[in-house]
PDB file of N, CA and C in Angstrom:
ATOM      1  N   MET A   1     153.635 140.564  53.668  1.00  0.00           N
ATOM      2  CA  MET A   1     154.364 139.327  53.549  1.00  0.00           C
ATOM      3  C   MET A   1     154.953 139.277  52.143  1.00  0.00           C
ATOM      4  N   ASP A   2     156.255 139.037  52.042  1.00  0.00           N
ATOM      5  CA  ASP A   2     156.869 138.956  50.725  1.00  0.00           C
ATOM      6  C   ASP A   2     156.598 137.587  50.102  1.00  0.00           C
ATOM      7  N   ASP A   3     156.926 137.436  48.820  1.00  0.00           N
ATOM      8  CA  ASP A   3     156.618 136.196  48.111  1.00  0.00           C
ATOM      9  C   ASP A   3     157.324 134.983  48.714  1.00  0.00           C
ATOM     10  N   ASP A   4     158.553 135.157  49.187  1.00  0.00           N
ATOM     11  CA  ASP A   4     159.276 134.038  49.801  1.00  0.00           C
ATOM     12  C   ASP A   4     158.588 133.582  51.082  1.00  0.00           C
ATOM     13  N   ALA A   5     158.187 134.527  51.914  1.00  0.00           N
ATOM     14  CA  ALA A   5     157.495 134.182  53.159  1.00  0.00           C
ATOM     15  C   ALA A   5     156.156 133.523  52.853  1.00  0.00           C
ATOM     16  N   LEU A   6     155.464 134.017  51.847  1.00  0.00           N
ATOM     17  CA  LEU A   6     154.188 133.443  51.455  1.00  0.00           C
ATOM     18  C   LEU A   6     154.347 131.967  51.112  1.00  0.00           C
ATOM     19  N   MET A   7     155.372 131.632  50.367  1.00  0.00           N
ATOM     20  CA  MET A   7     155.576 130.256  49.930  1.00  0.00           C
ATOM     21  C   MET A   7     155.968 129.329  51.079  1.00  0.00           C
ATOM     22  N   ARG A   8     156.429 129.873  52.206  1.00  0.00           N
ATOM     23  CA  ARG A   8     156.783 129.050  53.366  1.00  0.00           C
ATOM     24  C   ARG A   8     155.613 128.893  54.333  1.00  0.00           C
ATOM     25  N   SER A   9     154.543 129.632  54.143  1.00  0.00           N
ATOM     26  CA  SER A   9     153.414 129.628  55.066  1.00  0.00           C
ATOM     27  C   SER A   9     152.588 128.360  54.935  1.00  0.00           C
ATOM     28  N   ARG A  10     151.828 128.081  55.985  1.00  0.00           N
ATOM     29  CA  ARG A  10     150.949 126.917  56.033  1.00  0.00           C
ATOM     30  C   ARG A  10     149.546 127.341  55.636  1.00  0.00           C
ATOM     31  N   VAL A  11     148.888 126.501  54.862  1.00  0.00           N
ATOM     32  CA  VAL A  11     147.537 126.778  54.396  1.00  0.00           C
ATOM     33  C   VAL A  11     146.529 126.305  55.440  1.00  0.00           C
ATOM     34  N   SER A  12     145.566 127.158  55.760  1.00  0.00           N
ATOM     35  CA  SER A  12     144.495 126.808  56.697  1.00  0.00           C
ATOM     36  C   SER A  12     143.782 125.560  56.209  1.00  0.00           C
ATOM     37  N   GLY A  13     143.564 124.631  57.125  1.00  0.00           N
ATOM     38  CA  GLY A  13     142.875 123.396  56.779  1.00  0.00           C
ATOM     39  C   GLY A  13     143.791 122.279  56.326  1.00  0.00           C
ATOM     40  N   ALA A  14     145.082 122.577  56.116  1.00  0.00           N
ATOM     41  CA  ALA A  14     146.019 121.529  55.722  1.00  0.00           C
ATOM     42  C   ALA A  14     146.232 120.574  56.888  1.00  0.00           C
ATOM     43  N   ASP A  15     146.371 119.313  56.591  1.00  0.00           N
ATOM     44  CA  ASP A  15     146.604 118.297  57.614  1.00  0.00           C
ATOM     45  C   ASP A  15     147.951 118.559  58.281  1.00  0.00           C
ATOM     46  N   HIS A  16     147.988 118.453  59.621  1.00  0.00           N
ATOM     47  CA  HIS A  16     149.221 118.706  60.363  1.00  0.00           C
ATOM     48  C   HIS A  16     150.336 117.742  59.970  1.00  0.00           C
ATOM     49  N   GLU A  17     149.976 116.587  59.436  1.00  0.00           N
ATOM     50  CA  GLU A  17     150.982 115.606  59.045  1.00  0.00           C
ATOM     51  C   GLU A  17     151.329 115.683  57.559  1.00  0.00           C
ATOM     52  N   ASP A  18     150.720 116.601  56.846  1.00  0.00           N
ATOM     53  CA  ASP A  18     151.001 116.777  55.424  1.00  0.00           C
ATOM     54  C   ASP A  18     152.458 117.210  55.265  1.00  0.00           C
ATOM     55  N   PRO A  19     153.240 116.503  54.453  1.00  0.00           N
ATOM     56  CA  PRO A  19     154.640 116.886  54.287  1.00  0.00           C
ATOM     57  C   PRO A  19     154.825 118.207  53.538  1.00  0.00           C
ATOM     58  N   ASP A  20     153.782 118.661  52.829  1.00  0.00           N
ATOM     59  CA  ASP A  20     153.866 119.927  52.100  1.00  0.00           C
ATOM     60  C   ASP A  20     152.584 120.731  52.346  1.00  0.00           C
ATOM     61  N   PRO A  21     152.449 121.337  53.567  1.00  0.00           N
ATOM     62  CA  PRO A  21     151.215 122.055  53.903  1.00  0.00           C
ATOM     63  C   PRO A  21     151.163 123.481  53.369  1.00  0.00           C
ATOM     64  N   GLY A  22     152.114 123.830  52.525  1.00  0.00           N
ATOM     65  CA  GLY A  22     152.194 125.201  52.024  1.00  0.00           C
ATOM     66  C   GLY A  22     151.354 125.425  50.785  1.00  0.00           C
ATOM     67  N   PRO A  23     151.435 126.625  50.258  1.00  0.00           N
ATOM     68  CA  PRO A  23     150.658 126.987  49.074  1.00  0.00           C
ATOM     69  C   PRO A  23     151.056 126.146  47.862  1.00  0.00           C
ATOM     70  N   GLN A  24     150.104 125.941  46.992  1.00  0.00           N
ATOM     71  CA  GLN A  24     150.318 125.151  45.788  1.00  0.00           C
ATOM     72  C   GLN A  24     150.293 126.057  44.557  1.00  0.00           C
ATOM     73  N   PRO A  25     151.090 125.723  43.548  1.00  0.00           N
ATOM     74  CA  PRO A  25     151.093 126.525  42.312  1.00  0.00           C
ATOM     75  C   PRO A  25     149.695 126.576  41.696  1.00  0.00           C
ATOM     76  N   GLY A  26     149.362 127.728  41.143  1.00  0.00           N
ATOM     77  CA  GLY A  26     148.083 127.894  40.478  1.00  0.00           C
ATOM     78  C   GLY A  26     146.923 128.207  41.398  1.00  0.00           C
ATOM     79  N   HIS A  27     147.187 128.341  42.691  1.00  0.00           N
ATOM     80  CA  HIS A  27     146.139 128.679  43.659  1.00  0.00           C
ATOM     81  C   HIS A  27     146.292 130.131  44.093  1.00  0.00           C
ATOM     82  N   GLU A  28     145.201 130.696  44.587  1.00  0.00           N
ATOM     83  CA  GLU A  28     145.191 132.075  45.083  1.00  0.00           C
ATOM     84  C   GLU A  28     144.919 132.035  46.580  1.00  0.00           C
ATOM     85  N   TYR A  29     145.650 132.847  47.345  1.00  0.00           N
ATOM     86  CA  TYR A  29     145.565 132.803  48.804  1.00  0.00           C
ATOM     87  C   TYR A  29     145.366 134.186  49.402  1.00  0.00           C
ATOM     88  N   ARG A  30     144.828 134.197  50.643  1.00  0.00           N
ATOM     89  CA  ARG A  30     144.750 135.393  51.460  1.00  0.00           C
ATOM     90  C   ARG A  30     145.431 135.079  52.786  1.00  0.00           C
ATOM     91  N   GLU A  31     146.201 136.034  53.294  1.00  0.00           N
ATOM     92  CA  GLU A  31     146.885 135.868  54.580  1.00  0.00           C
ATOM     93  C   GLU A  31     145.914 136.247  55.703  1.00  0.00           C
ATOM     94  N   LEU A  32     145.753 135.365  56.687  1.00  0.00           N
ATOM     95  CA  LEU A  32     144.889 135.638  57.833  1.00  0.00           C
ATOM     96  C   LEU A  32     145.709 136.342  58.911  1.00  0.00           C
ATOM     97  N   CYS A  33     145.212 137.476  59.389  1.00  0.00           N
ATOM     98  CA  CYS A  33     145.952 138.319  60.331  1.00  0.00           C
ATOM     99  C   CYS A  33     145.169 138.472  61.636  1.00  0.00           C
ATOM    100  N   GLY A  34     145.801 138.113  62.738  1.00  0.00           N
ATOM    101  CA  GLY A  34     145.171 138.223  64.043  1.00  0.00           C
ATOM    102  C   GLY A  34     144.287 137.016  64.330  1.00  0.00           C
ATOM    103  N   GLY A  35     143.765 136.966  65.545  1.00  0.00           N
ATOM    104  CA  GLY A  35     142.849 135.895  65.925  1.00  0.00           C
ATOM    105  C   GLY A  35     143.500 134.523  65.967  1.00  0.00           C
ATOM    106  N   PRO A  36     142.678 133.482  66.064  1.00  0.00           N
ATOM    107  CA  PRO A  36     143.203 132.139  66.258  1.00  0.00           C
ATOM    108  C   PRO A  36     143.920 131.552  65.050  1.00  0.00           C
ATOM    109  N   LEU A  37     143.696 132.086  63.860  1.00  0.00           N
ATOM    110  CA  LEU A  37     144.322 131.536  62.651  1.00  0.00           C
ATOM    111  C   LEU A  37     145.414 132.442  62.096  1.00  0.00           C
ATOM    112  N   ASP A  38     145.916 133.326  62.930  1.00  0.00           N
ATOM    113  CA  ASP A  38     146.939 134.297  62.539  1.00  0.00           C
ATOM    114  C   ASP A  38     148.114 133.620  61.836  1.00  0.00           C
ATOM    115  N   GLY A  39     148.478 134.156  60.685  1.00  0.00           N
ATOM    116  CA  GLY A  39     149.642 133.673  59.959  1.00  0.00           C
ATOM    117  C   GLY A  39     149.352 132.568  58.959  1.00  0.00           C
ATOM    118  N   LEU A  40     148.157 131.987  59.005  1.00  0.00           N
ATOM    119  CA  LEU A  40     147.808 130.946  58.037  1.00  0.00           C
ATOM    120  C   LEU A  40     147.350 131.584  56.730  1.00  0.00           C
ATOM    121  N   LEU A  41     147.368 130.800  55.679  1.00  0.00           N
ATOM    122  CA  LEU A  41     146.866 131.241  54.388  1.00  0.00           C
ATOM    123  C   LEU A  41     145.528 130.561  54.126  1.00  0.00           C
ATOM    124  N   LEU A  42     144.611 131.281  53.519  1.00  0.00           N
ATOM    125  CA  LEU A  42     143.313 130.742  53.136  1.00  0.00           C
ATOM    126  C   LEU A  42     143.288 130.607  51.617  1.00  0.00           C
ATOM    127  N   ASP A  43     143.015 129.408  51.132  1.00  0.00           N
ATOM    128  CA  ASP A  43     142.933 129.161  49.695  1.00  0.00           C
ATOM    129  C   ASP A  43     141.595 129.694  49.194  1.00  0.00           C
ATOM    130  N   VAL A  44     141.636 130.725  48.353  1.00  0.00           N
ATOM    131  CA  VAL A  44     140.418 131.335  47.823  1.00  0.00           C
ATOM    132  C   VAL A  44     140.294 131.098  46.316  1.00  0.00           C
ATOM    133  N   THR A  45     140.992 130.100  45.827  1.00  0.00           N
ATOM    134  CA  THR A  45     140.939 129.763  44.408  1.00  0.00           C
ATOM    135  C   THR A  45     139.494 129.498  44.004  1.00  0.00           C
ATOM    136  N   GLY A  46     139.043 130.181  42.981  1.00  0.00           N
ATOM    137  CA  GLY A  46     137.691 129.980  42.474  1.00  0.00           C
ATOM    138  C   GLY A  46     136.613 130.805  43.152  1.00  0.00           C
ATOM    139  N   TRP A  47     136.975 131.565  44.186  1.00  0.00           N
ATOM    140  CA  TRP A  47     135.979 132.405  44.848  1.00  0.00           C
ATOM    141  C   TRP A  47     135.597 133.553  43.922  1.00  0.00           C
ATOM    142  N   ASP A  48     134.313 133.952  43.945  1.00  0.00           N
ATOM    143  CA  ASP A  48     133.886 135.082  43.130  1.00  0.00           C
ATOM    144  C   ASP A  48     134.116 136.395  43.892  1.00  0.00           C
ATOM    145  N   THR A  49     133.900 137.500  43.211  1.00  0.00           N
ATOM    146  CA  THR A  49     134.151 138.824  43.779  1.00  0.00           C
ATOM    147  C   THR A  49     133.358 139.059  45.059  1.00  0.00           C
ATOM    148  N   GLU A  50     132.099 138.643  45.081  1.00  0.00           N
ATOM    149  CA  GLU A  50     131.263 138.842  46.269  1.00  0.00           C
ATOM    150  C   GLU A  50     131.831 138.077  47.468  1.00  0.00           C
ATOM    151  N   GLN A  51     132.234 136.838  47.255  1.00  0.00           N
ATOM    152  CA  GLN A  51     132.806 136.042  48.346  1.00  0.00           C
ATOM    153  C   GLN A  51     134.098 136.687  48.861  1.00  0.00           C
ATOM    154  N   LEU A  52     134.920 137.184  47.956  1.00  0.00           N
ATOM    155  CA  LEU A  52     136.177 137.815  48.359  1.00  0.00           C
ATOM    156  C   LEU A  52     135.932 139.122  49.104  1.00  0.00           C
ATOM    157  N   THR A  53     134.858 139.806  48.795  1.00  0.00           N
ATOM    158  CA  THR A  53     134.511 141.048  49.474  1.00  0.00           C
ATOM    159  C   THR A  53     133.922 140.784  50.855  1.00  0.00           C
ATOM    160  N   ASP A  54     133.158 139.703  50.979  1.00  0.00           N
ATOM    161  CA  ASP A  54     132.484 139.372  52.241  1.00  0.00           C
ATOM    162  C   ASP A  54     133.428 138.826  53.308  1.00  0.00           C
ATOM    163  N   GLY A  55     134.506 138.166  52.905  1.00  0.00           N
ATOM    164  CA  GLY A  55     135.366 137.507  53.878  1.00  0.00           C
ATOM    165  C   GLY A  55     134.846 136.119  54.173  1.00  0.00           C
ATOM    166  N   ALA A  56     135.204 135.577  55.350  1.00  0.00           N
ATOM    167  CA  ALA A  56     134.845 134.190  55.650  1.00  0.00           C
ATOM    168  C   ALA A  56     134.692 133.947  57.139  1.00  0.00           C
ATOM    169  N   ALA A  57     133.829 132.987  57.474  1.00  0.00           N
ATOM    170  CA  ALA A  57     133.687 132.472  58.835  1.00  0.00           C
ATOM    171  C   ALA A  57     134.266 131.062  58.803  1.00  0.00           C
ATOM    172  N   LEU A  58     135.432 130.879  59.395  1.00  0.00           N
ATOM    173  CA  LEU A  58     136.185 129.633  59.275  1.00  0.00           C
ATOM    174  C   LEU A  58     136.086 128.782  60.531  1.00  0.00           C
ATOM    175  N   LEU A  59     135.767 127.513  60.356  1.00  0.00           N
ATOM    176  CA  LEU A  59     135.723 126.594  61.492  1.00  0.00           C
ATOM    177  C   LEU A  59     137.096 126.492  62.127  1.00  0.00           C
ATOM    178  N   THR A  60     137.124 126.533  63.452  1.00  0.00           N
ATOM    179  CA  THR A  60     138.384 126.363  64.171  1.00  0.00           C
ATOM    180  C   THR A  60     138.116 125.791  65.557  1.00  0.00           C
ATOM    181  N   GLU A  61     139.018 124.961  66.019  1.00  0.00           N
ATOM    182  CA  GLU A  61     138.911 124.395  67.361  1.00  0.00           C
ATOM    183  C   GLU A  61     139.638 125.245  68.389  1.00  0.00           C
ATOM    184  N   ILE A  62     140.394 126.234  67.910  1.00  0.00           N
ATOM    185  CA  ILE A  62     141.237 126.993  68.839  1.00  0.00           C
ATOM    186  C   ILE A  62     140.735 128.410  69.082  1.00  0.00           C
ATOM    187  N   GLY A  63     139.529 128.706  68.638  1.00  0.00           N
ATOM    188  CA  GLY A  63     138.950 130.020  68.883  1.00  0.00           C
ATOM    189  C   GLY A  63     138.299 130.089  70.251  1.00  0.00           C
ATOM    190  N   ARG A  64     137.658 131.184  70.522  1.00  0.00           N
ATOM    191  CA  ARG A  64     137.006 131.443  71.811  1.00  0.00           C
ATOM    192  C   ARG A  64     135.971 130.379  72.186  1.00  0.00           C
ATOM    193  N   TYR A  65     135.291 129.808  71.178  1.00  0.00           N
ATOM    194  CA  TYR A  65     134.202 128.880  71.443  1.00  0.00           C
ATOM    195  C   TYR A  65     134.595 127.411  71.288  1.00  0.00           C
ATOM    196  N   GLY A  66     135.873 127.142  71.094  1.00  0.00           N
ATOM    197  CA  GLY A  66     136.342 125.762  71.006  1.00  0.00           C
ATOM    198  C   GLY A  66     135.851 125.048  69.760  1.00  0.00           C
ATOM    199  N   PRO A  67     135.828 123.697  69.804  1.00  0.00           N
ATOM    200  CA  PRO A  67     135.416 122.922  68.627  1.00  0.00           C
ATOM    201  C   PRO A  67     134.043 123.349  68.117  1.00  0.00           C
ATOM    202  N   GLY A  68     133.960 123.533  66.813  1.00  0.00           N
ATOM    203  CA  GLY A  68     132.702 123.952  66.201  1.00  0.00           C
ATOM    204  C   GLY A  68     132.544 125.457  66.100  1.00  0.00           C
ATOM    205  N   GLY A  69     133.407 126.214  66.770  1.00  0.00           N
ATOM    206  CA  GLY A  69     133.347 127.664  66.681  1.00  0.00           C
ATOM    207  C   GLY A  69     133.895 128.157  65.352  1.00  0.00           C
ATOM    208  N   ARG A  70     133.625 129.395  65.077  1.00  0.00           N
ATOM    209  CA  ARG A  70     134.101 130.000  63.821  1.00  0.00           C
ATOM    210  C   ARG A  70     134.863 131.290  64.108  1.00  0.00           C
ATOM    211  N   ALA A  71     135.910 131.481  63.354  1.00  0.00           N
ATOM    212  CA  ALA A  71     136.683 132.722  63.397  1.00  0.00           C
ATOM    213  C   ALA A  71     136.334 133.506  62.128  1.00  0.00           C
ATOM    214  N   HIS A  72     135.913 134.751  62.307  1.00  0.00           N
ATOM    215  CA  HIS A  72     135.510 135.586  61.176  1.00  0.00           C
ATOM    216  C   HIS A  72     136.678 136.467  60.725  1.00  0.00           C
ATOM    217  N   TYR A  73     136.908 136.472  59.414  1.00  0.00           N
ATOM    218  CA  TYR A  73     137.971 137.282  58.821  1.00  0.00           C
ATOM    219  C   TYR A  73     137.389 138.111  57.682  1.00  0.00           C
ATOM    220  N   GLU A  74     137.841 139.374  57.603  1.00  0.00           N
ATOM    221  CA  GLU A  74     137.366 140.305  56.583  1.00  0.00           C
ATOM    222  C   GLU A  74     138.554 140.922  55.863  1.00  0.00           C
ATOM    223  N   PRO A  75     138.392 141.224  54.558  1.00  0.00           N
ATOM    224  CA  PRO A  75     139.496 141.839  53.813  1.00  0.00           C
ATOM    225  C   PRO A  75     139.903 143.173  54.436  1.00  0.00           C
ATOM    226  N   ARG A  76     141.190 143.400  54.520  1.00  0.00           N
ATOM    227  CA  ARG A  76     141.718 144.672  55.012  1.00  0.00           C
ATOM    228  C   ARG A  76     141.475 145.738  53.937  1.00  0.00           C
ATOM    229  N   PRO A  77     140.852 146.851  54.281  1.00  0.00           N
ATOM    230  CA  PRO A  77     140.536 147.878  53.278  1.00  0.00           C
ATOM    231  C   PRO A  77     141.757 148.393  52.514  1.00  0.00           C
ATOM    232  N   THR A  78     142.891 148.466  53.169  1.00  0.00           N
ATOM    233  CA  THR A  78     144.087 149.003  52.513  1.00  0.00           C
ATOM    234  C   THR A  78     144.905 147.934  51.791  1.00  0.00           C
ATOM    235  N   ASP A  79     144.598 146.647  52.019  1.00  0.00           N
ATOM    236  CA  ASP A  79     145.331 145.558  51.376  1.00  0.00           C
ATOM    237  C   ASP A  79     144.460 144.305  51.387  1.00  0.00           C
ATOM    238  N   PRO A  80     143.596 144.127  50.392  1.00  0.00           N
ATOM    239  CA  PRO A  80     142.659 143.011  50.389  1.00  0.00           C
ATOM    240  C   PRO A  80     143.316 141.628  50.316  1.00  0.00           C
ATOM    241  N   ARG A  81     144.630 141.560  50.117  1.00  0.00           N
ATOM    242  CA  ARG A  81     145.323 140.264  50.163  1.00  0.00           C
ATOM    243  C   ARG A  81     145.486 139.783  51.598  1.00  0.00           C
ATOM    244  N   ARG A  82     145.276 140.681  52.555  1.00  0.00           N
ATOM    245  CA  ARG A  82     145.343 140.334  53.986  1.00  0.00           C
ATOM    246  C   ARG A  82     143.950 140.467  54.577  1.00  0.00           C
ATOM    247  N   TRP A  83     143.537 139.447  55.314  1.00  0.00           N
ATOM    248  CA  TRP A  83     142.226 139.459  55.949  1.00  0.00           C
ATOM    249  C   TRP A  83     142.403 139.529  57.452  1.00  0.00           C
ATOM    250  N   ASP A  84     141.748 140.501  58.066  1.00  0.00           N
ATOM    251  CA  ASP A  84     141.871 140.739  59.505  1.00  0.00           C
ATOM    252  C   ASP A  84     140.761 140.009  60.270  1.00  0.00           C
ATOM    253  N   TRP A  85     141.136 139.521  61.439  1.00  0.00           N
ATOM    254  CA  TRP A  85     140.199 138.844  62.326  1.00  0.00           C
ATOM    255  C   TRP A  85     139.169 139.846  62.820  1.00  0.00           C
ATOM    256  N   ALA A  86     137.884 139.444  62.786  1.00  0.00           N
ATOM    257  CA  ALA A  86     136.793 140.320  63.208  1.00  0.00           C
ATOM    258  C   ALA A  86     136.052 139.743  64.420  1.00  0.00           C
ATOM    259  N   GLY A  87     136.499 138.611  64.946  1.00  0.00           N
ATOM    260  CA  GLY A  87     135.879 138.017  66.118  1.00  0.00           C
ATOM    261  C   GLY A  87     135.480 136.567  65.885  1.00  0.00           C
ATOM    262  N   ASP A  88     135.034 135.926  66.964  1.00  0.00           N
ATOM    263  CA  ASP A  88     134.631 134.528  66.936  1.00  0.00           C
ATOM    264  C   ASP A  88     133.129 134.409  67.224  1.00  0.00           C
ATOM    265  N   THR A  89     132.517 133.346  66.708  1.00  0.00           N
ATOM    266  CA  THR A  89     131.132 133.029  67.020  1.00  0.00           C
ATOM    267  C   THR A  89     131.019 131.529  67.290  1.00  0.00           C
ATOM    268  N   PRO A  90     129.994 131.132  68.045  1.00  0.00           N
ATOM    269  CA  PRO A  90     129.813 129.701  68.316  1.00  0.00           C
ATOM    270  C   PRO A  90     129.443 128.916  67.056  1.00  0.00           C
TER     271      PRO A  90
END
């Protein structure tokens, strides 16, 4: 994703009615690839190295398990700025 596309993307967890759901200056993001949150950005501002290496289990209502389920994303080995979907859990 180029810088222009990044700035037009929607941040995971942003309110659907937010007039500016995109990335904010001074924040660090990861692009979510595949799965129910494909194409969203995850704000990882302030995350430490271990957290960035581990990835994340993100709450989502649109995954396999519906409300309360989690979508798991892990850093892509060849490009850690992109996190690939690794599956859903209840």
